[in-house]
Amino acid sequence: MRQFVAERELENGILTVEGKKFRYLNSVLRVQPGDMIHVRLLDSTLQPMTVAKIDEDSRKIILQVAGDQVPKVEDLHAGPIQNMPQAKLWLFQFVAKPPKMDLIIRQAVECGVQCIVPVEGTFCQKGNIESARKKASPGDDRWNRIITEAREQSGSPVNTRILEPVTVEQACKMMEKEGIPLSVVLYEQSKGTVSMAAALEGKKGSTQAAIFVGAEGGISPEEISTLKNAGVQSVHIKTNILRCETAALYGTAALQTLLYE
């Protein structure tokens, strides 16, 4: 079974599920009293729990801790992941069209990206930026729902966050403040760029890494220059021309593989 992501703390080993989460367990997963499910707690711990009670009238499901041991991965059928990734990954995504942003976020969550930062670039459309600002605000729940669904589907232990949109300059300051030692930007031009492997040379084992990915129109030369001045390395992937949503997934996967292996 896929993991269930909790939205509140345990109380004496009990988790009460209601609202939209009740509907998810009751109507989508169709759990029954006595069923065992794997719950991802707020601290990212994976906890086996038993469905203790289903109250249709009050639309509540009571889950109860079922032991102290987290199940081994080999005992789970495509089960949730137990351990956190070795490095905290940041995706600085230049704002794309809303459907593409939704897809990029979903795929980034499945890859275990810990923080997604929408970037307002020169070539980003004004309407797309306004949409990103709205969805990143506390009053809009769409991106949070996408995160939860992706975590439940993939078993990711990472509680992915999406920050409010920033400018390129603000993104550079954010990286400096967070102390991110490794950062790359995917660039469609080959001049002045390096391979992903060359960018990571001598930096394997870094605890944090960031990747910048352009929107449909790419990233302007001025923005590339700003990023380079902040220590971000320009990487050109020698493959076919990639759409922004493909580039985000491809680049994140390449970065993860070279960091971890």
C-alpha atoms as a PDB file:
ATOM      1  CA  MET A   1       0.000   0.000   0.000  1.00  0.00           C
ATOM      2  CA  ARG A   2       1.130   3.548  -0.648  1.00  0.00           C
ATOM      3  CA  GLN A   3       2.090   5.651   2.324  1.00  0.00           C
ATOM      4  CA  PHE A   4      -0.403   7.961   3.987  1.00  0.00           C
ATOM      5  CA  VAL A   5       0.917  11.430   4.854  1.00  0.00           C
ATOM      6  CA  ALA A   6      -0.274  12.685   8.241  1.00  0.00           C
ATOM      7  CA  GLU A   7      -1.272  16.306   8.728  1.00  0.00           C
ATOM      8  CA  ARG A   8      -1.258  16.340  12.530  1.00  0.00           C
ATOM      9  CA  GLU A   9       0.716  14.956  15.466  1.00  0.00           C
ATOM     10  CA  LEU A  10       0.018  11.637  17.159  1.00  0.00           C
ATOM     11  CA  GLU A  11      -1.833  11.804  20.459  1.00  0.00           C
ATOM     12  CA  ASN A  12      -1.023   8.841  22.710  1.00  0.00           C
ATOM     13  CA  GLY A  13      -0.332   6.706  19.664  1.00  0.00           C
ATOM     14  CA  ILE A  14      -3.609   7.719  18.001  1.00  0.00           C
ATOM     15  CA  LEU A  15      -4.095   9.644  14.766  1.00  0.00           C
ATOM     16  CA  THR A  16      -7.542  11.017  13.923  1.00  0.00           C
ATOM     17  CA  VAL A  17      -8.223  11.437  10.207  1.00  0.00           C
ATOM     18  CA  GLU A  18     -11.062  13.630   8.953  1.00  0.00           C
ATOM     19  CA  GLY A  19     -12.058  15.982   6.140  1.00  0.00           C
ATOM     20  CA  LYS A  20     -10.460  15.345   2.735  1.00  0.00           C
ATOM     21  CA  LYS A  21      -8.084  12.832   4.289  1.00  0.00           C
ATOM     22  CA  PHE A  22     -11.067  10.796   5.505  1.00  0.00           C
ATOM     23  CA  ARG A  23     -12.396  10.672   1.959  1.00  0.00           C
ATOM     24  CA  TYR A  24      -8.986   9.600   0.644  1.00  0.00           C
ATOM     25  CA  LEU A  25      -8.680   6.674   3.049  1.00  0.00           C
ATOM     26  CA  ASN A  26     -12.350   5.700   2.960  1.00  0.00           C
ATOM     27  CA  SER A  27     -13.233   6.161  -0.716  1.00  0.00           C
ATOM     28  CA  VAL A  28      -9.919   5.962  -2.575  1.00  0.00           C
ATOM     29  CA  LEU A  29      -7.853   3.442  -0.601  1.00  0.00           C
ATOM     30  CA  ARG A  30     -11.020   1.811   0.814  1.00  0.00           C
ATOM     31  CA  VAL A  31      -9.422   0.812   4.106  1.00  0.00           C
ATOM     32  CA  GLN A  32     -11.241  -1.451   6.544  1.00  0.00           C
ATOM     33  CA  PRO A  33     -10.920  -1.836  10.325  1.00  0.00           C
ATOM     34  CA  GLY A  34      -7.850  -3.941  11.053  1.00  0.00           C
ATOM     35  CA  ASP A  35      -5.987  -2.906   7.892  1.00  0.00           C
ATOM     36  CA  MET A  36      -2.315  -1.990   8.271  1.00  0.00           C
ATOM     37  CA  ILE A  37      -1.097   1.168   6.551  1.00  0.00           C
ATOM     38  CA  HIS A  38       2.229   3.002   6.506  1.00  0.00           C
ATOM     39  CA  VAL A  39       1.908   6.556   7.815  1.00  0.00           C
ATOM     40  CA  ARG A  40       4.491   9.273   7.161  1.00  0.00           C
ATOM     41  CA  LEU A  41       4.473  11.387  10.318  1.00  0.00           C
ATOM     42  CA  LEU A  42       5.245  15.105  10.507  1.00  0.00           C
ATOM     43  CA  ASP A  43       8.879  14.401  11.455  1.00  0.00           C
ATOM     44  CA  SER A  44       9.205  12.197   8.304  1.00  0.00           C
ATOM     45  CA  THR A  45       9.232   8.981  10.379  1.00  0.00           C
ATOM     46  CA  LEU A  46       7.547   6.035   8.681  1.00  0.00           C
ATOM     47  CA  GLN A  47       5.157   4.428  11.169  1.00  0.00           C
ATOM     48  CA  PRO A  48       3.036   1.286  10.681  1.00  0.00           C
ATOM     49  CA  MET A  49      -0.489   1.887  11.972  1.00  0.00           C
ATOM     50  CA  THR A  50      -3.711  -0.065  12.192  1.00  0.00           C
ATOM     51  CA  VAL A  51      -7.136   1.191  11.148  1.00  0.00           C
ATOM     52  CA  ALA A  52      -8.823   1.025  14.552  1.00  0.00           C
ATOM     53  CA  LYS A  53     -12.207   2.553  13.742  1.00  0.00           C
ATOM     54  CA  ILE A  54     -14.164   4.050  10.855  1.00  0.00           C
ATOM     55  CA  ASP A  55     -17.013   6.365  11.839  1.00  0.00           C
ATOM     56  CA  GLU A  56     -19.131   7.105   8.759  1.00  0.00           C
ATOM     57  CA  ASP A  57     -21.472   9.412  10.655  1.00  0.00           C
ATOM     58  CA  SER A  58     -18.808  11.796  11.941  1.00  0.00           C
ATOM     59  CA  ARG A  59     -16.570  11.089   8.929  1.00  0.00           C
ATOM     60  CA  LYS A  60     -13.578  10.184  11.051  1.00  0.00           C
ATOM     61  CA  ILE A  61     -11.075   7.360  10.898  1.00  0.00           C
ATOM     62  CA  ILE A  62      -8.992   6.424  13.922  1.00  0.00           C
ATOM     63  CA  LEU A  63      -5.499   5.030  13.295  1.00  0.00           C
ATOM     64  CA  GLN A  64      -3.448   3.414  16.038  1.00  0.00           C
ATOM     65  CA  VAL A  65       0.308   2.794  16.233  1.00  0.00           C
ATOM     66  CA  ALA A  66       1.037  -0.874  15.551  1.00  0.00           C
ATOM     67  CA  GLY A  67       4.467  -1.448  17.064  1.00  0.00           C
ATOM     68  CA  ASP A  68       7.733   0.428  17.258  1.00  0.00           C
ATOM     69  CA  GLN A  69       9.572  -1.124  14.347  1.00  0.00           C
ATOM     70  CA  VAL A  70       9.588   0.528  10.946  1.00  0.00           C
ATOM     71  CA  PRO A  71       9.114  -2.196   8.308  1.00  0.00           C
ATOM     72  CA  LYS A  72      12.096  -3.130   6.196  1.00  0.00           C
ATOM     73  CA  VAL A  73      12.015  -1.969   2.593  1.00  0.00           C
ATOM     74  CA  GLU A  74      12.327  -5.533   1.340  1.00  0.00           C
ATOM     75  CA  ASP A  75       9.166  -6.432   3.271  1.00  0.00           C
ATOM     76  CA  LEU A  76       7.112  -3.823   1.431  1.00  0.00           C
ATOM     77  CA  HIS A  77       5.673  -4.128  -2.057  1.00  0.00           C
ATOM     78  CA  ALA A  78       6.875  -0.918  -3.698  1.00  0.00           C
ATOM     79  CA  GLY A  79       6.733   0.415  -0.167  1.00  0.00           C
ATOM     80  CA  PRO A  80       7.487   3.846   1.242  1.00  0.00           C
ATOM     81  CA  ILE A  81      11.102   4.964   1.555  1.00  0.00           C
ATOM     82  CA  GLN A  82      12.564   4.939   5.061  1.00  0.00           C
ATOM     83  CA  ASN A  83      15.666   7.098   4.825  1.00  0.00           C
ATOM     84  CA  MET A  84      16.044  10.751   3.956  1.00  0.00           C
ATOM     85  CA  PRO A  85      18.124  11.579   0.846  1.00  0.00           C
ATOM     86  CA  GLN A  86      21.827  12.154   1.405  1.00  0.00           C
ATOM     87  CA  ALA A  87      21.646  15.752   0.175  1.00  0.00           C
ATOM     88  CA  LYS A  88      19.066  18.502   0.458  1.00  0.00           C
ATOM     89  CA  LEU A  89      18.084  19.447  -3.080  1.00  0.00           C
ATOM     90  CA  TRP A  90      16.796  22.854  -4.146  1.00  0.00           C
ATOM     91  CA  LEU A  91      15.000  23.428  -7.447  1.00  0.00           C
ATOM     92  CA  PHE A  92      14.946  27.040  -8.595  1.00  0.00           C
ATOM     93  CA  GLN A  93      12.369  26.817 -11.375  1.00  0.00           C
ATOM     94  CA  PHE A  94      11.772  29.807 -13.636  1.00  0.00           C
ATOM     95  CA  VAL A  95       8.001  30.174 -13.755  1.00  0.00           C
ATOM     96  CA  ALA A  96       6.387  28.220 -16.590  1.00  0.00           C
ATOM     97  CA  LYS A  97       2.756  27.840 -17.667  1.00  0.00           C
ATOM     98  CA  PRO A  98       0.504  26.643 -14.809  1.00  0.00           C
ATOM     99  CA  PRO A  99      -0.022  23.058 -16.084  1.00  0.00           C
ATOM    100  CA  LYS A 100       3.720  22.669 -16.601  1.00  0.00           C
ATOM    101  CA  MET A 101       4.480  24.063 -13.150  1.00  0.00           C
ATOM    102  CA  ASP A 102       2.068  21.539 -11.641  1.00  0.00           C
ATOM    103  CA  LEU A 103       3.871  18.707 -13.456  1.00  0.00           C
ATOM    104  CA  ILE A 104       7.325  19.997 -12.522  1.00  0.00           C
ATOM    105  CA  ILE A 105       6.311  20.178  -8.858  1.00  0.00           C
ATOM    106  CA  ARG A 106       4.830  16.673  -8.892  1.00  0.00           C
ATOM    107  CA  GLN A 107       7.941  15.175 -10.454  1.00  0.00           C
ATOM    108  CA  ALA A 108      10.289  17.120  -8.183  1.00  0.00           C
ATOM    109  CA  VAL A 109       8.449  15.789  -5.129  1.00  0.00           C
ATOM    110  CA  GLU A 110       8.724  12.238  -6.431  1.00  0.00           C
ATOM    111  CA  CYS A 111      12.480  12.795  -6.880  1.00  0.00           C
ATOM    112  CA  GLY A 112      12.842  13.946  -3.278  1.00  0.00           C
ATOM    113  CA  VAL A 113      13.515  17.646  -3.869  1.00  0.00           C
ATOM    114  CA  GLN A 114      13.233  19.387  -0.499  1.00  0.00           C
ATOM    115  CA  CYS A 115      12.590  22.948  -1.622  1.00  0.00           C
ATOM    116  CA  ILE A 116      11.094  24.374  -4.836  1.00  0.00           C
ATOM    117  CA  VAL A 117      11.557  28.088  -5.480  1.00  0.00           C
ATOM    118  CA  PRO A 118       9.664  29.709  -8.395  1.00  0.00           C
ATOM    119  CA  VAL A 119      11.858  32.318 -10.097  1.00  0.00           C
ATOM    120  CA  GLU A 120      10.524  35.378 -11.919  1.00  0.00           C
ATOM    121  CA  GLY A 121      12.667  35.556 -15.044  1.00  0.00           C
ATOM    122  CA  THR A 122      12.912  37.955 -17.963  1.00  0.00           C
ATOM    123  CA  PHE A 123      11.318  35.484 -20.359  1.00  0.00           C
ATOM    124  CA  CYS A 124       8.543  34.364 -17.974  1.00  0.00           C
ATOM    125  CA  GLN A 125       5.016  35.422 -18.927  1.00  0.00           C
ATOM    126  CA  LYS A 126       3.365  37.943 -16.602  1.00  0.00           C
ATOM    127  CA  GLY A 127       0.201  35.850 -16.236  1.00  0.00           C
ATOM    128  CA  ASN A 128       2.233  32.784 -15.292  1.00  0.00           C
ATOM    129  CA  ILE A 129       4.071  34.742 -12.610  1.00  0.00           C
ATOM    130  CA  GLU A 130       0.798  36.006 -11.158  1.00  0.00           C
ATOM    131  CA  SER A 131      -0.526  32.439 -11.098  1.00  0.00           C
ATOM    132  CA  ALA A 132       2.596  31.219  -9.299  1.00  0.00           C
ATOM    133  CA  ARG A 133       2.320  33.979  -6.706  1.00  0.00           C
ATOM    134  CA  LYS A 134      -1.287  33.014  -6.022  1.00  0.00           C
ATOM    135  CA  LYS A 135      -0.587  29.280  -5.733  1.00  0.00           C
ATOM    136  CA  ALA A 136       2.411  29.854  -3.466  1.00  0.00           C
ATOM    137  CA  SER A 137       0.348  31.999  -1.084  1.00  0.00           C
ATOM    138  CA  PRO A 138      -0.977  30.512   2.192  1.00  0.00           C
ATOM    139  CA  GLY A 139      -4.578  30.850   1.008  1.00  0.00           C
ATOM    140  CA  ASP A 140      -4.188  28.574  -2.032  1.00  0.00           C
ATOM    141  CA  ASP A 141      -3.941  24.829  -1.425  1.00  0.00           C
ATOM    142  CA  ARG A 142      -3.418  23.464  -4.957  1.00  0.00           C
ATOM    143  CA  TRP A 143       0.353  22.985  -4.836  1.00  0.00           C
ATOM    144  CA  ASN A 144       0.154  21.548  -1.311  1.00  0.00           C
ATOM    145  CA  ARG A 145      -2.360  18.971  -2.558  1.00  0.00           C
ATOM    146  CA  ILE A 146      -0.036  18.067  -5.428  1.00  0.00           C
ATOM    147  CA  ILE A 147       2.826  17.611  -2.960  1.00  0.00           C
ATOM    148  CA  THR A 148       0.775  15.367  -0.682  1.00  0.00           C
ATOM    149  CA  GLU A 149      -0.522  13.218  -3.552  1.00  0.00           C
ATOM    150  CA  ALA A 150       2.983  12.834  -4.991  1.00  0.00           C
ATOM    151  CA  ARG A 151       4.418  11.849  -1.616  1.00  0.00           C
ATOM    152  CA  GLU A 152       1.660   9.323  -1.004  1.00  0.00           C
ATOM    153  CA  GLN A 153       2.169   7.821  -4.453  1.00  0.00           C
ATOM    154  CA  SER A 154       5.976   7.736  -4.412  1.00  0.00           C
ATOM    155  CA  GLY A 155       6.627   7.050  -0.733  1.00  0.00           C
ATOM    156  CA  SER A 156       8.946  10.047  -0.419  1.00  0.00           C
ATOM    157  CA  PRO A 157      10.063  10.813   3.158  1.00  0.00           C
ATOM    158  CA  VAL A 158      10.831  14.421   2.169  1.00  0.00           C
ATOM    159  CA  ASN A 159       8.343  17.076   3.201  1.00  0.00           C
ATOM    160  CA  THR A 160       8.807  19.202   0.074  1.00  0.00           C
ATOM    161  CA  ARG A 161       8.233  22.944   0.503  1.00  0.00           C
ATOM    162  CA  ILE A 162       7.369  25.560  -2.112  1.00  0.00           C
ATOM    163  CA  LEU A 163       8.463  29.099  -1.388  1.00  0.00           C
ATOM    164  CA  GLU A 164       7.041  32.315  -2.778  1.00  0.00           C
ATOM    165  CA  PRO A 165       8.413  33.465  -6.166  1.00  0.00           C
ATOM    166  CA  VAL A 166      11.687  35.410  -6.107  1.00  0.00           C
ATOM    167  CA  THR A 167      13.824  37.339  -8.582  1.00  0.00           C
ATOM    168  CA  VAL A 168      17.159  35.964  -9.798  1.00  0.00           C
ATOM    169  CA  GLU A 169      18.992  38.350  -7.484  1.00  0.00           C
ATOM    170  CA  GLN A 170      16.896  37.230  -4.519  1.00  0.00           C
ATOM    171  CA  ALA A 171      17.539  33.590  -5.417  1.00  0.00           C
ATOM    172  CA  CYS A 172      21.296  34.209  -5.309  1.00  0.00           C
ATOM    173  CA  LYS A 173      21.005  35.841  -1.883  1.00  0.00           C
ATOM    174  CA  MET A 174      18.875  32.914  -0.699  1.00  0.00           C
ATOM    175  CA  MET A 175      21.575  30.440  -1.737  1.00  0.00           C
ATOM    176  CA  GLU A 176      24.211  32.460   0.112  1.00  0.00           C
ATOM    177  CA  LYS A 177      22.071  32.633   3.246  1.00  0.00           C
ATOM    178  CA  GLU A 178      21.375  28.874   3.170  1.00  0.00           C
ATOM    179  CA  GLY A 179      25.045  28.092   2.586  1.00  0.00           C
ATOM    180  CA  ILE A 180      24.438  25.951  -0.500  1.00  0.00           C
ATOM    181  CA  PRO A 181      27.916  24.833  -1.666  1.00  0.00           C
ATOM    182  CA  LEU A 182      26.947  23.403  -5.047  1.00  0.00           C
ATOM    183  CA  SER A 183      24.691  25.019  -7.642  1.00  0.00           C
ATOM    184  CA  VAL A 184      24.193  24.596 -11.384  1.00  0.00           C
ATOM    185  CA  VAL A 185      21.996  26.185 -14.021  1.00  0.00           C
ATOM    186  CA  LEU A 186      20.883  24.337 -17.151  1.00  0.00           C
ATOM    187  CA  TYR A 187      21.607  26.482 -20.200  1.00  0.00           C
ATOM    188  CA  GLU A 188      20.604  25.846 -23.792  1.00  0.00           C
ATOM    189  CA  GLN A 189      23.756  27.433 -25.165  1.00  0.00           C
ATOM    190  CA  SER A 190      26.983  25.424 -25.065  1.00  0.00           C
ATOM    191  CA  LYS A 191      29.440  28.336 -24.978  1.00  0.00           C
ATOM    192  CA  GLY A 192      30.940  28.890 -21.559  1.00  0.00           C
ATOM    193  CA  THR A 193      29.281  25.798 -20.062  1.00  0.00           C
ATOM    194  CA  VAL A 194      30.511  22.520 -18.596  1.00  0.00           C
ATOM    195  CA  SER A 195      29.075  19.026 -18.263  1.00  0.00           C
ATOM    196  CA  MET A 196      27.155  18.044 -15.148  1.00  0.00           C
ATOM    197  CA  ALA A 197      29.979  15.682 -14.181  1.00  0.00           C
ATOM    198  CA  ALA A 198      32.549  18.478 -14.470  1.00  0.00           C
ATOM    199  CA  ALA A 199      30.381  20.815 -12.384  1.00  0.00           C
ATOM    200  CA  LEU A 200      30.250  18.234  -9.579  1.00  0.00           C
ATOM    201  CA  GLU A 201      33.912  17.303  -9.686  1.00  0.00           C
ATOM    202  CA  GLY A 202      35.308  17.372  -6.171  1.00  0.00           C
ATOM    203  CA  LYS A 203      31.897  18.172  -4.675  1.00  0.00           C
ATOM    204  CA  LYS A 204      30.383  14.734  -4.229  1.00  0.00           C
ATOM    205  CA  GLY A 205      29.081  14.286  -0.733  1.00  0.00           C
ATOM    206  CA  SER A 206      27.759  17.839  -0.526  1.00  0.00           C
ATOM    207  CA  THR A 207      24.884  18.096   1.932  1.00  0.00           C
ATOM    208  CA  GLN A 208      23.051  20.683  -0.188  1.00  0.00           C
ATOM    209  CA  ALA A 209      22.787  21.323  -3.909  1.00  0.00           C
ATOM    210  CA  ALA A 210      20.714  23.591  -6.126  1.00  0.00           C
ATOM    211  CA  ILE A 211      19.671  23.470  -9.754  1.00  0.00           C
ATOM    212  CA  PHE A 212      18.209  26.320 -11.814  1.00  0.00           C
ATOM    213  CA  VAL A 213      15.940  25.466 -14.749  1.00  0.00           C
ATOM    214  CA  GLY A 214      14.477  27.928 -17.234  1.00  0.00           C
ATOM    215  CA  ALA A 215      10.865  28.334 -18.343  1.00  0.00           C
ATOM    216  CA  GLU A 216       9.555  27.957 -21.912  1.00  0.00           C
ATOM    217  CA  GLY A 217      11.636  30.894 -23.174  1.00  0.00           C
ATOM    218  CA  GLY A 218      14.787  29.852 -21.372  1.00  0.00           C
ATOM    219  CA  ILE A 219      17.041  32.112 -19.306  1.00  0.00           C
ATOM    220  CA  SER A 220      18.384  35.434 -20.537  1.00  0.00           C
ATOM    221  CA  PRO A 221      22.159  36.000 -20.962  1.00  0.00           C
ATOM    222  CA  GLU A 222      21.989  38.728 -18.306  1.00  0.00           C
ATOM    223  CA  GLU A 223      20.434  36.316 -15.825  1.00  0.00           C
ATOM    224  CA  ILE A 224      23.053  33.676 -16.633  1.00  0.00           C
ATOM    225  CA  SER A 225      25.713  36.296 -15.940  1.00  0.00           C
ATOM    226  CA  THR A 226      24.109  37.142 -12.583  1.00  0.00           C
ATOM    227  CA  LEU A 227      24.025  33.470 -11.620  1.00  0.00           C
ATOM    228  CA  LYS A 228      27.639  32.919 -12.683  1.00  0.00           C
ATOM    229  CA  ASN A 229      28.743  35.887 -10.565  1.00  0.00           C
ATOM    230  CA  ALA A 230      27.028  34.185  -7.620  1.00  0.00           C
ATOM    231  CA  GLY A 231      29.037  31.001  -8.187  1.00  0.00           C
ATOM    232  CA  VAL A 232      26.410  29.032 -10.111  1.00  0.00           C
ATOM    233  CA  GLN A 233      27.967  26.853 -12.818  1.00  0.00           C
ATOM    234  CA  SER A 234      26.376  26.772 -16.274  1.00  0.00           C
ATOM    235  CA  VAL A 235      25.708  23.240 -17.456  1.00  0.00           C
ATOM    236  CA  HIS A 236      24.826  22.245 -21.002  1.00  0.00           C
ATOM    237  CA  ILE A 237      23.273  18.819 -21.464  1.00  0.00           C
ATOM    238  CA  LYS A 238      24.278  17.377 -24.827  1.00  0.00           C
ATOM    239  CA  THR A 239      21.005  15.815 -25.833  1.00  0.00           C
ATOM    240  CA  ASN A 240      17.898  16.781 -27.772  1.00  0.00           C
ATOM    241  CA  ILE A 241      16.203  20.101 -27.056  1.00  0.00           C
ATOM    242  CA  LEU A 242      14.226  19.566 -23.851  1.00  0.00           C
ATOM    243  CA  ARG A 243      10.995  21.181 -22.754  1.00  0.00           C
ATOM    244  CA  CYS A 244      11.230  22.954 -19.406  1.00  0.00           C
ATOM    245  CA  GLU A 245       9.251  20.255 -17.589  1.00  0.00           C
ATOM    246  CA  THR A 246      11.516  17.563 -19.065  1.00  0.00           C
ATOM    247  CA  ALA A 247      14.663  19.555 -18.306  1.00  0.00           C
ATOM    248  CA  ALA A 248      13.691  19.930 -14.632  1.00  0.00           C
ATOM    249  CA  LEU A 249      13.249  16.173 -14.230  1.00  0.00           C
ATOM    250  CA  TYR A 250      16.283  15.269 -16.359  1.00  0.00           C
ATOM    251  CA  GLY A 251      18.557  17.757 -14.619  1.00  0.00           C
ATOM    252  CA  THR A 252      17.433  16.801 -11.116  1.00  0.00           C
ATOM    253  CA  ALA A 253      17.938  13.107 -11.867  1.00  0.00           C
ATOM    254  CA  ALA A 254      21.414  13.727 -13.313  1.00  0.00           C
ATOM    255  CA  LEU A 255      22.386  15.841 -10.307  1.00  0.00           C
ATOM    256  CA  GLN A 256      21.116  13.218  -7.856  1.00  0.00           C
ATOM    257  CA  THR A 257      22.847  10.348  -9.637  1.00  0.00           C
ATOM    258  CA  LEU A 258      26.232  12.076  -9.685  1.00  0.00           C
ATOM    259  CA  LEU A 259      25.887  13.222  -6.078  1.00  0.00           C
ATOM    260  CA  TYR A 260      24.880   9.852  -4.647  1.00  0.00           C
ATOM    261  CA  GLU A 261      26.767   7.321  -6.777  1.00  0.00           C
END
